[in-house]
PDB file of all heavy atoms in Angstrom:
ATOM      1  N   TYR A   1       4.535  -0.746   9.217  1.00  0.00           N
ATOM      2  CA  TYR A   1       3.438  -0.910   8.280  1.00  0.00           C
ATOM      3  C   TYR A   1       3.600   0.002   7.072  1.00  0.00           C
ATOM      4  O   TYR A   1       3.934  -0.438   5.980  1.00  0.00           O
ATOM      5  CB  TYR A   1       2.080  -0.584   8.939  1.00  0.00           C
ATOM      6  CG  TYR A   1       1.576  -1.636   9.889  1.00  0.00           C
ATOM      7  CD1 TYR A   1       1.639  -1.469  11.251  1.00  0.00           C
ATOM      8  CD2 TYR A   1       1.022  -2.829   9.388  1.00  0.00           C
ATOM      9  CE1 TYR A   1       1.168  -2.480  12.086  1.00  0.00           C
ATOM     10  CE2 TYR A   1       0.557  -3.806  10.213  1.00  0.00           C
ATOM     11  CZ  TYR A   1       0.640  -3.607  11.586  1.00  0.00           C
ATOM     12  OH  TYR A   1       0.166  -4.602  12.429  1.00  0.00           O
ATOM     13  N   TRP A   2       3.348   1.315   7.274  1.00  0.00           N
ATOM     14  CA  TRP A   2       3.313   2.278   6.143  1.00  0.00           C
ATOM     15  C   TRP A   2       4.305   3.378   6.303  1.00  0.00           C
ATOM     16  O   TRP A   2       4.172   4.419   5.641  1.00  0.00           O
ATOM     17  CB  TRP A   2       1.884   2.824   6.070  1.00  0.00           C
ATOM     18  CG  TRP A   2       0.850   1.794   6.361  1.00  0.00           C
ATOM     19  CD1 TRP A   2      -0.001   1.717   7.432  1.00  0.00           C
ATOM     20  CD2 TRP A   2       0.543   0.627   5.554  1.00  0.00           C
ATOM     21  NE1 TRP A   2      -0.795   0.585   7.360  1.00  0.00           N
ATOM     22  CE2 TRP A   2      -0.480  -0.078   6.211  1.00  0.00           C
ATOM     23  CE3 TRP A   2       1.021   0.160   4.341  1.00  0.00           C
ATOM     24  CZ2 TRP A   2      -1.012  -1.280   5.729  1.00  0.00           C
ATOM     25  CZ3 TRP A   2       0.520  -1.024   3.842  1.00  0.00           C
ATOM     26  CH2 TRP A   2      -0.470  -1.712   4.522  1.00  0.00           C
ATOM     27  N   ASN A   3       5.327   3.179   7.162  1.00  0.00           N
ATOM     28  CA  ASN A   3       6.343   4.171   7.400  1.00  0.00           C
ATOM     29  C   ASN A   3       5.750   5.520   7.868  1.00  0.00           C
ATOM     30  O   ASN A   3       6.275   6.576   7.587  1.00  0.00           O
ATOM     31  CB  ASN A   3       7.219   4.412   6.176  1.00  0.00           C
ATOM     32  CG  ASN A   3       8.555   5.035   6.449  1.00  0.00           C
ATOM     33  OD1 ASN A   3       9.226   4.631   7.432  1.00  0.00           O
ATOM     34  ND2 ASN A   3       8.939   6.037   5.692  1.00  0.00           N
ATOM     35  N   ASP A   4       4.585   5.447   8.549  1.00  0.00           N
ATOM     36  CA  ASP A   4       3.883   6.649   9.012  1.00  0.00           C
ATOM     37  C   ASP A   4       3.649   7.644   7.895  1.00  0.00           C
ATOM     38  O   ASP A   4       3.658   8.860   8.118  1.00  0.00           O
ATOM     39  CB  ASP A   4       4.628   7.323  10.181  1.00  0.00           C
ATOM     40  CG  ASP A   4       4.674   6.440  11.419  1.00  0.00           C
ATOM     41  OD1 ASP A   4       4.025   5.342  11.433  1.00  0.00           O
ATOM     42  OD2 ASP A   4       5.326   6.846  12.380  1.00  0.00           O
ATOM     43  N   THR A   5       3.385   7.130   6.702  1.00  0.00           N
ATOM     44  CA  THR A   5       3.226   8.017   5.533  1.00  0.00           C
ATOM     45  C   THR A   5       1.945   7.581   4.818  1.00  0.00           C
ATOM     46  O   THR A   5       1.764   6.419   4.463  1.00  0.00           O
ATOM     47  CB  THR A   5       4.423   7.847   4.580  1.00  0.00           C
ATOM     48  OG1 THR A   5       5.612   8.147   5.286  1.00  0.00           O
ATOM     49  CG2 THR A   5       4.283   8.834   3.417  1.00  0.00           C
ATOM     50  N   SER A   6       1.079   8.559   4.552  1.00  0.00           N
ATOM     51  CA  SER A   6      -0.204   8.280   3.846  1.00  0.00           C
ATOM     52  C   SER A   6       0.053   8.070   2.363  1.00  0.00           C
ATOM     53  O   SER A   6       0.976   8.649   1.765  1.00  0.00           O
ATOM     54  CB  SER A   6      -1.182   9.400   4.063  1.00  0.00           C
ATOM     55  OG  SER A   6      -1.502   9.561   5.434  1.00  0.00           O
ATOM     56  N   PRO A   7      -0.793   7.251   1.702  1.00  0.00           N
ATOM     57  CA  PRO A   7      -0.714   7.121   0.254  1.00  0.00           C
ATOM     58  C   PRO A   7      -0.960   8.452  -0.434  1.00  0.00           C
ATOM     59  O   PRO A   7      -1.612   9.337   0.084  1.00  0.00           O
ATOM     60  CB  PRO A   7      -1.826   6.115  -0.062  1.00  0.00           C
ATOM     61  CG  PRO A   7      -2.151   5.459   1.201  1.00  0.00           C
ATOM     62  CD  PRO A   7      -1.896   6.438   2.251  1.00  0.00           C
ATOM     63  N   THR A   8      -0.446   8.552  -1.631  1.00  0.00           N
ATOM     64  CA  THR A   8      -0.671   9.724  -2.482  1.00  0.00           C
ATOM     65  C   THR A   8      -1.474   9.283  -3.708  1.00  0.00           C
ATOM     66  O   THR A   8      -1.800   8.103  -3.839  1.00  0.00           O
ATOM     67  CB  THR A   8       0.674  10.376  -2.931  1.00  0.00           C
ATOM     68  OG1 THR A   8       1.295   9.520  -3.872  1.00  0.00           O
ATOM     69  CG2 THR A   8       1.595  10.598  -1.747  1.00  0.00           C
ATOM     70  N   SER A   9      -1.710  10.203  -4.609  1.00  0.00           N
ATOM     71  CA  SER A   9      -2.459   9.893  -5.804  1.00  0.00           C
ATOM     72  C   SER A   9      -1.648   8.964  -6.793  1.00  0.00           C
ATOM     73  O   SER A   9      -2.237   8.470  -7.731  1.00  0.00           O
ATOM     74  CB  SER A   9      -2.846  11.152  -6.546  1.00  0.00           C
ATOM     75  OG  SER A   9      -1.724  11.868  -6.909  1.00  0.00           O
ATOM     76  N   SER A  10      -0.371   8.713  -6.465  1.00  0.00           N
ATOM     77  CA  SER A  10       0.435   7.882  -7.339  1.00  0.00           C
ATOM     78  C   SER A  10       1.052   6.657  -6.629  1.00  0.00           C
ATOM     79  O   SER A  10       1.258   5.635  -7.294  1.00  0.00           O
ATOM     80  CB  SER A  10       1.533   8.694  -8.035  1.00  0.00           C
ATOM     81  OG  SER A  10       2.368   9.311  -7.061  1.00  0.00           O
ATOM     82  N   VAL A  11       1.374   6.786  -5.338  1.00  0.00           N
ATOM     83  CA  VAL A  11       2.079   5.687  -4.652  1.00  0.00           C
ATOM     84  C   VAL A  11       1.530   5.447  -3.247  1.00  0.00           C
ATOM     85  O   VAL A  11       0.851   6.285  -2.667  1.00  0.00           O
ATOM     86  CB  VAL A  11       3.592   5.990  -4.553  1.00  0.00           C
ATOM     87  CG1 VAL A  11       4.243   6.176  -5.908  1.00  0.00           C
ATOM     88  CG2 VAL A  11       3.848   7.226  -3.655  1.00  0.00           C
ATOM     89  N   PHE A  12       1.829   4.247  -2.705  1.00  0.00           N
ATOM     90  CA  PHE A  12       1.646   4.006  -1.261  1.00  0.00           C
ATOM     91  C   PHE A  12       3.014   3.643  -0.718  1.00  0.00           C
ATOM     92  O   PHE A  12       3.937   3.164  -1.393  1.00  0.00           O
ATOM     93  CB  PHE A  12       0.639   2.902  -1.013  1.00  0.00           C
ATOM     94  CG  PHE A  12       0.915   1.545  -1.691  1.00  0.00           C
ATOM     95  CD1 PHE A  12       1.709   0.581  -1.063  1.00  0.00           C
ATOM     96  CD2 PHE A  12       0.385   1.271  -2.921  1.00  0.00           C
ATOM     97  CE1 PHE A  12       1.930  -0.661  -1.679  1.00  0.00           C
ATOM     98  CE2 PHE A  12       0.591   0.059  -3.541  1.00  0.00           C
ATOM     99  CZ  PHE A  12       1.396  -0.902  -2.925  1.00  0.00           C
ATOM    100  N   SER A  13       3.201   3.921   0.586  1.00  0.00           N
ATOM    101  CA  SER A  13       4.493   3.784   1.243  1.00  0.00           C
ATOM    102  C   SER A  13       4.562   2.528   2.120  1.00  0.00           C
ATOM    103  O   SER A  13       3.537   2.052   2.620  1.00  0.00           O
ATOM    104  CB  SER A  13       4.773   5.037   2.085  1.00  0.00           C
ATOM    105  OG  SER A  13       4.927   6.151   1.318  1.00  0.00           O
ATOM    106  N   LEU A  14       5.770   2.040   2.321  1.00  0.00           N
ATOM    107  CA  LEU A  14       6.010   0.809   3.075  1.00  0.00           C
ATOM    108  C   LEU A  14       7.031   0.947   4.147  1.00  0.00           C
ATOM    109  O   LEU A  14       7.920   1.820   4.069  1.00  0.00           O
ATOM    110  CB  LEU A  14       6.454  -0.301   2.092  1.00  0.00           C
ATOM    111  CG  LEU A  14       5.607  -0.555   0.861  1.00  0.00           C
ATOM    112  CD1 LEU A  14       6.338  -1.540  -0.099  1.00  0.00           C
ATOM    113  CD2 LEU A  14       4.243  -1.168   1.303  1.00  0.00           C
ATOM    114  N   GLY A  15       6.929   0.147   5.187  1.00  0.00           N
ATOM    115  CA  GLY A  15       8.008  -0.024   6.178  1.00  0.00           C
ATOM    116  C   GLY A  15       8.995  -1.037   5.656  1.00  0.00           C
ATOM    117  O   GLY A  15       9.149  -1.267   4.438  1.00  0.00           O
ATOM    118  N   ASN A  16       9.689  -1.710   6.612  1.00  0.00           N
ATOM    119  CA  ASN A  16      10.679  -2.681   6.187  1.00  0.00           C
ATOM    120  C   ASN A  16      10.376  -4.087   6.639  1.00  0.00           C
ATOM    121  O   ASN A  16      11.235  -4.972   6.712  1.00  0.00           O
ATOM    122  CB  ASN A  16      12.052  -2.278   6.767  1.00  0.00           C
ATOM    123  CG  ASN A  16      12.071  -2.208   8.284  1.00  0.00           C
ATOM    124  OD1 ASN A  16      11.070  -2.480   8.940  1.00  0.00           O
ATOM    125  ND2 ASN A  16      13.204  -1.863   8.839  1.00  0.00           N
ATOM    126  N   HIS A  17       9.098  -4.370   6.900  1.00  0.00           N
ATOM    127  CA  HIS A  17       8.699  -5.654   7.462  1.00  0.00           C
ATOM    128  C   HIS A  17       8.279  -6.608   6.366  1.00  0.00           C
ATOM    129  O   HIS A  17       7.797  -6.206   5.306  1.00  0.00           O
ATOM    130  CB  HIS A  17       7.526  -5.432   8.465  1.00  0.00           C
ATOM    131  CG  HIS A  17       7.266  -6.569   9.354  1.00  0.00           C
ATOM    132  ND1 HIS A  17       6.524  -7.670   8.982  1.00  0.00           N
ATOM    133  CD2 HIS A  17       7.602  -6.814  10.640  1.00  0.00           C
ATOM    134  CE1 HIS A  17       6.421  -8.519   9.994  1.00  0.00           C
ATOM    135  NE2 HIS A  17       7.062  -8.022  10.998  1.00  0.00           N
ATOM    136  N   VAL A  18       8.377  -7.921   6.672  1.00  0.00           N
ATOM    137  CA  VAL A  18       7.970  -8.938   5.673  1.00  0.00           C
ATOM    138  C   VAL A  18       6.480  -8.892   5.367  1.00  0.00           C
ATOM    139  O   VAL A  18       6.049  -9.404   4.322  1.00  0.00           O
ATOM    140  CB  VAL A  18       8.381 -10.331   6.217  1.00  0.00           C
ATOM    141  CG1 VAL A  18       7.550 -10.737   7.408  1.00  0.00           C
ATOM    142  CG2 VAL A  18       8.262 -11.409   5.096  1.00  0.00           C
ATOM    143  N   LEU A  19       5.694  -8.265   6.212  1.00  0.00           N
ATOM    144  CA  LEU A  19       4.254  -8.232   5.996  1.00  0.00           C
ATOM    145  C   LEU A  19       3.904  -7.512   4.702  1.00  0.00           C
ATOM    146  O   LEU A  19       2.858  -7.785   4.067  1.00  0.00           O
ATOM    147  CB  LEU A  19       3.506  -7.575   7.168  1.00  0.00           C
ATOM    148  CG  LEU A  19       3.725  -6.098   7.490  1.00  0.00           C
ATOM    149  CD1 LEU A  19       2.760  -5.203   6.783  1.00  0.00           C
ATOM    150  CD2 LEU A  19       3.657  -5.870   8.972  1.00  0.00           C
ATOM    151  N   ASN A  20       4.738  -6.541   4.242  1.00  0.00           N
ATOM    152  CA  ASN A  20       4.463  -5.915   3.007  1.00  0.00           C
ATOM    153  C   ASN A  20       5.704  -5.503   2.210  1.00  0.00           C
ATOM    154  O   ASN A  20       5.621  -4.989   1.084  1.00  0.00           O
ATOM    155  CB  ASN A  20       3.546  -4.632   3.161  1.00  0.00           C
ATOM    156  CG  ASN A  20       4.191  -3.600   4.075  1.00  0.00           C
ATOM    157  OD1 ASN A  20       5.403  -3.555   4.271  1.00  0.00           O
ATOM    158  ND2 ASN A  20       3.347  -2.738   4.592  1.00  0.00           N
ATOM    159  N   ASN A  21       6.920  -5.794   2.758  1.00  0.00           N
ATOM    160  CA  ASN A  21       8.154  -5.341   2.066  1.00  0.00           C
ATOM    161  C   ASN A  21       9.364  -6.243   2.464  1.00  0.00           C
ATOM    162  O   ASN A  21      10.419  -5.733   2.682  1.00  0.00           O
ATOM    163  CB  ASN A  21       8.424  -3.913   2.394  1.00  0.00           C
ATOM    164  CG  ASN A  21       9.480  -3.285   1.462  1.00  0.00           C
ATOM    165  OD1 ASN A  21       9.748  -3.807   0.416  1.00  0.00           O
ATOM    166  ND2 ASN A  21      10.121  -2.236   1.948  1.00  0.00           N
ATOM    167  N   GLY A  22       9.129  -7.505   2.574  1.00  0.00           N
ATOM    168  CA  GLY A  22      10.237  -8.401   2.909  1.00  0.00           C
ATOM    169  C   GLY A  22      11.245  -8.478   1.732  1.00  0.00           C
ATOM    170  O   GLY A  22      10.870  -8.519   0.563  1.00  0.00           O
ATOM    171  N   SER A  23      12.497  -8.570   2.061  1.00  0.00           N
ATOM    172  CA  SER A  23      13.551  -8.567   1.016  1.00  0.00           C
ATOM    173  C   SER A  23      13.386  -9.772   0.104  1.00  0.00           C
ATOM    174  O   SER A  23      13.338 -10.960   0.562  1.00  0.00           O
ATOM    175  CB  SER A  23      14.905  -8.603   1.678  1.00  0.00           C
ATOM    176  OG  SER A  23      15.932  -8.665   0.679  1.00  0.00           O
ATOM    177  N   GLY A  24      13.217  -9.503  -1.177  1.00  0.00           N
ATOM    178  CA  GLY A  24      13.092 -10.602  -2.185  1.00  0.00           C
ATOM    179  C   GLY A  24      11.758 -11.308  -2.163  1.00  0.00           C
ATOM    180  O   GLY A  24      11.564 -12.242  -2.924  1.00  0.00           O
ATOM    181  N   LYS A  25      10.793 -10.864  -1.325  1.00  0.00           N
ATOM    182  CA  LYS A  25       9.519 -11.502  -1.248  1.00  0.00           C
ATOM    183  C   LYS A  25       8.508 -10.922  -2.243  1.00  0.00           C
ATOM    184  O   LYS A  25       8.517  -9.717  -2.473  1.00  0.00           O
ATOM    185  CB  LYS A  25       8.936 -11.385   0.173  1.00  0.00           C
ATOM    186  CG  LYS A  25       9.797 -12.071   1.242  1.00  0.00           C
ATOM    187  CD  LYS A  25       9.974 -13.542   1.015  1.00  0.00           C
ATOM    188  CE  LYS A  25      10.788 -14.225   2.100  1.00  0.00           C
ATOM    189  NZ  LYS A  25      10.977 -15.657   1.815  1.00  0.00           N
ATOM    190  N   THR A  26       7.698 -11.785  -2.813  1.00  0.00           N
ATOM    191  CA  THR A  26       6.699 -11.371  -3.795  1.00  0.00           C
ATOM    192  C   THR A  26       5.423 -10.955  -3.071  1.00  0.00           C
ATOM    193  O   THR A  26       4.891 -11.719  -2.231  1.00  0.00           O
ATOM    194  CB  THR A  26       6.400 -12.481  -4.794  1.00  0.00           C
ATOM    195  OG1 THR A  26       7.594 -12.851  -5.457  1.00  0.00           O
ATOM    196  CG2 THR A  26       5.391 -12.006  -5.822  1.00  0.00           C
ATOM    197  N   MET A  27       4.913  -9.773  -3.399  1.00  0.00           N
ATOM    198  CA  MET A  27       3.734  -9.207  -2.731  1.00  0.00           C
ATOM    199  C   MET A  27       2.626  -8.997  -3.748  1.00  0.00           C
ATOM    200  O   MET A  27       2.879  -8.686  -4.918  1.00  0.00           O
ATOM    201  CB  MET A  27       4.051  -7.859  -2.085  1.00  0.00           C
ATOM    202  CG  MET A  27       5.286  -7.833  -1.225  1.00  0.00           C
ATOM    203  SD  MET A  27       5.008  -8.673   0.370  1.00  0.00           S
ATOM    204  CE  MET A  27       6.680  -8.816   0.955  1.00  0.00           C
ATOM    205  N   VAL A  28       1.347  -9.104  -3.281  1.00  0.00           N
ATOM    206  CA  VAL A  28       0.230  -8.661  -4.092  1.00  0.00           C
ATOM    207  C   VAL A  28      -0.468  -7.572  -3.289  1.00  0.00           C
ATOM    208  O   VAL A  28      -0.592  -7.674  -2.057  1.00  0.00           O
ATOM    209  CB  VAL A  28      -0.736  -9.805  -4.417  1.00  0.00           C
ATOM    210  CG1 VAL A  28      -1.356 -10.412  -3.151  1.00  0.00           C
ATOM    211  CG2 VAL A  28      -1.864  -9.309  -5.322  1.00  0.00           C
ATOM    212  N   ALA A  29      -0.799  -6.480  -3.976  1.00  0.00           N
ATOM    213  CA  ALA A  29      -1.487  -5.337  -3.312  1.00  0.00           C
ATOM    214  C   ALA A  29      -2.765  -5.012  -4.061  1.00  0.00           C
ATOM    215  O   ALA A  29      -2.806  -4.879  -5.271  1.00  0.00           O
ATOM    216  CB  ALA A  29      -0.583  -4.123  -3.353  1.00  0.00           C
ATOM    217  N   TYR A  30      -3.871  -4.991  -3.307  1.00  0.00           N
ATOM    218  CA  TYR A  30      -5.200  -4.551  -3.823  1.00  0.00           C
ATOM    219  C   TYR A  30      -5.417  -3.139  -3.245  1.00  0.00           C
ATOM    220  O   TYR A  30      -5.434  -2.951  -2.044  1.00  0.00           O
ATOM    221  CB  TYR A  30      -6.313  -5.486  -3.368  1.00  0.00           C
ATOM    222  CG  TYR A  30      -6.084  -6.914  -3.726  1.00  0.00           C
ATOM    223  CD1 TYR A  30      -6.501  -7.952  -2.869  1.00  0.00           C
ATOM    224  CD2 TYR A  30      -5.440  -7.289  -4.916  1.00  0.00           C
ATOM    225  CE1 TYR A  30      -6.301  -9.277  -3.182  1.00  0.00           C
ATOM    226  CE2 TYR A  30      -5.253  -8.633  -5.246  1.00  0.00           C
ATOM    227  CZ  TYR A  30      -5.665  -9.617  -4.412  1.00  0.00           C
ATOM    228  OH  TYR A  30      -5.502 -10.944  -4.667  1.00  0.00           O
ATOM    229  N   VAL A  31      -5.602  -2.162  -4.103  1.00  0.00           N
ATOM    230  CA  VAL A  31      -5.706  -0.758  -3.690  1.00  0.00           C
ATOM    231  C   VAL A  31      -6.998  -0.192  -4.199  1.00  0.00           C
ATOM    232  O   VAL A  31      -7.366  -0.355  -5.369  1.00  0.00           O
ATOM    233  CB  VAL A  31      -4.510   0.027  -4.277  1.00  0.00           C
ATOM    234  CG1 VAL A  31      -4.475   1.439  -3.744  1.00  0.00           C
ATOM    235  CG2 VAL A  31      -3.170  -0.673  -3.973  1.00  0.00           C
ATOM    236  N   PHE A  32      -7.710   0.490  -3.289  1.00  0.00           N
ATOM    237  CA  PHE A  32      -9.064   1.014  -3.632  1.00  0.00           C
ATOM    238  C   PHE A  32      -9.219   2.461  -3.252  1.00  0.00           C
ATOM    239  O   PHE A  32      -8.680   2.918  -2.250  1.00  0.00           O
ATOM    240  CB  PHE A  32     -10.147   0.195  -2.828  1.00  0.00           C
ATOM    241  CG  PHE A  32     -10.086  -1.279  -3.079  1.00  0.00           C
ATOM    242  CD1 PHE A  32      -9.402  -2.140  -2.185  1.00  0.00           C
ATOM    243  CD2 PHE A  32     -10.711  -1.842  -4.186  1.00  0.00           C
ATOM    244  CE1 PHE A  32      -9.383  -3.495  -2.426  1.00  0.00           C
ATOM    245  CE2 PHE A  32     -10.700  -3.232  -4.387  1.00  0.00           C
ATOM    246  CZ  PHE A  32     -10.016  -4.036  -3.500  1.00  0.00           C
ATOM    247  N   SER A  33      -9.973   3.177  -4.039  1.00  0.00           N
ATOM    248  CA  SER A  33     -10.316   4.591  -3.821  1.00  0.00           C
ATOM    249  C   SER A  33     -11.841   4.766  -3.792  1.00  0.00           C
ATOM    250  O   SER A  33     -12.545   4.016  -4.451  1.00  0.00           O
ATOM    251  CB  SER A  33      -9.744   5.523  -4.864  1.00  0.00           C
ATOM    252  OG  SER A  33      -8.342   5.663  -4.693  1.00  0.00           O
ATOM    253  N   ASN A  34     -12.323   5.768  -3.062  1.00  0.00           N
ATOM    254  CA  ASN A  34     -13.716   6.138  -3.078  1.00  0.00           C
ATOM    255  C   ASN A  34     -14.147   6.516  -4.507  1.00  0.00           C
ATOM    256  O   ASN A  34     -13.388   7.247  -5.211  1.00  0.00           O
ATOM    257  CB  ASN A  34     -13.982   7.343  -2.199  1.00  0.00           C
ATOM    258  CG  ASN A  34     -13.933   7.000  -0.720  1.00  0.00           C
ATOM    259  OD1 ASN A  34     -14.068   5.841  -0.337  1.00  0.00           O
ATOM    260  ND2 ASN A  34     -13.731   8.028   0.099  1.00  0.00           N
ATOM    261  N   ARG A  35     -15.300   6.058  -4.941  1.00  0.00           N
ATOM    262  CA  ARG A  35     -15.884   6.508  -6.173  1.00  0.00           C
ATOM    263  C   ARG A  35     -17.368   6.803  -5.926  1.00  0.00           C
ATOM    264  O   ARG A  35     -18.139   5.925  -5.456  1.00  0.00           O
ATOM    265  CB  ARG A  35     -15.710   5.452  -7.267  1.00  0.00           C
ATOM    266  CG  ARG A  35     -14.311   5.272  -7.772  1.00  0.00           C
ATOM    267  CD  ARG A  35     -13.802   6.511  -8.473  1.00  0.00           C
ATOM    268  NE  ARG A  35     -12.471   6.401  -8.995  1.00  0.00           N
ATOM    269  CZ  ARG A  35     -11.327   6.737  -8.390  1.00  0.00           C
ATOM    270  NH1 ARG A  35     -11.408   7.285  -7.160  1.00  0.00           N
ATOM    271  NH2 ARG A  35     -10.172   6.601  -8.980  1.00  0.00           N
ATOM    272  N   VAL A  36     -17.787   8.033  -6.233  1.00  0.00           N
ATOM    273  CA  VAL A  36     -19.147   8.463  -5.927  1.00  0.00           C
ATOM    274  C   VAL A  36     -20.157   7.495  -6.585  1.00  0.00           C
ATOM    275  O   VAL A  36     -20.072   7.196  -7.779  1.00  0.00           O
ATOM    276  CB  VAL A  36     -19.361   9.916  -6.439  1.00  0.00           C
ATOM    277  CG1 VAL A  36     -20.841  10.303  -6.228  1.00  0.00           C
ATOM    278  CG2 VAL A  36     -18.458  10.859  -5.684  1.00  0.00           C
ATOM    279  N   GLY A  37     -21.079   7.010  -5.742  1.00  0.00           N
ATOM    280  CA  GLY A  37     -22.114   6.128  -6.260  1.00  0.00           C
ATOM    281  C   GLY A  37     -21.706   4.675  -6.464  1.00  0.00           C
ATOM    282  O   GLY A  37     -22.539   3.834  -6.869  1.00  0.00           O
ATOM    283  N   PHE A  38     -20.395   4.361  -6.183  1.00  0.00           N
ATOM    284  CA  PHE A  38     -19.937   2.988  -6.447  1.00  0.00           C
ATOM    285  C   PHE A  38     -19.221   2.372  -5.252  1.00  0.00           C
ATOM    286  O   PHE A  38     -19.462   1.258  -4.898  1.00  0.00           O
ATOM    287  CB  PHE A  38     -19.027   2.948  -7.655  1.00  0.00           C
ATOM    288  CG  PHE A  38     -18.369   1.630  -7.882  1.00  0.00           C
ATOM    289  CD1 PHE A  38     -19.162   0.550  -8.368  1.00  0.00           C
ATOM    290  CD2 PHE A  38     -17.050   1.409  -7.613  1.00  0.00           C
ATOM    291  CE1 PHE A  38     -18.568  -0.695  -8.593  1.00  0.00           C
ATOM    292  CE2 PHE A  38     -16.464   0.181  -7.838  1.00  0.00           C
ATOM    293  CZ  PHE A  38     -17.185  -0.894  -8.311  1.00  0.00           C
ATOM    294  N   SER A  39     -18.316   3.109  -4.635  1.00  0.00           N
ATOM    295  CA  SER A  39     -17.538   2.524  -3.528  1.00  0.00           C
ATOM    296  C   SER A  39     -17.228   3.570  -2.492  1.00  0.00           C
ATOM    297  O   SER A  39     -17.124   4.788  -2.808  1.00  0.00           O
ATOM    298  CB  SER A  39     -16.222   1.920  -4.037  1.00  0.00           C
ATOM    299  OG  SER A  39     -15.402   2.896  -4.621  1.00  0.00           O
TER     300      SER A  39
END
């Protein structure tokens, strides 16, 4: 899934599976952070 690595303030990490990092496969990623009073 995430190569046992938590996201940082700049990047998120991936394993080597087609679910999020298949060779030559096109991915879409929706990424969300907490925002006080909103999310």
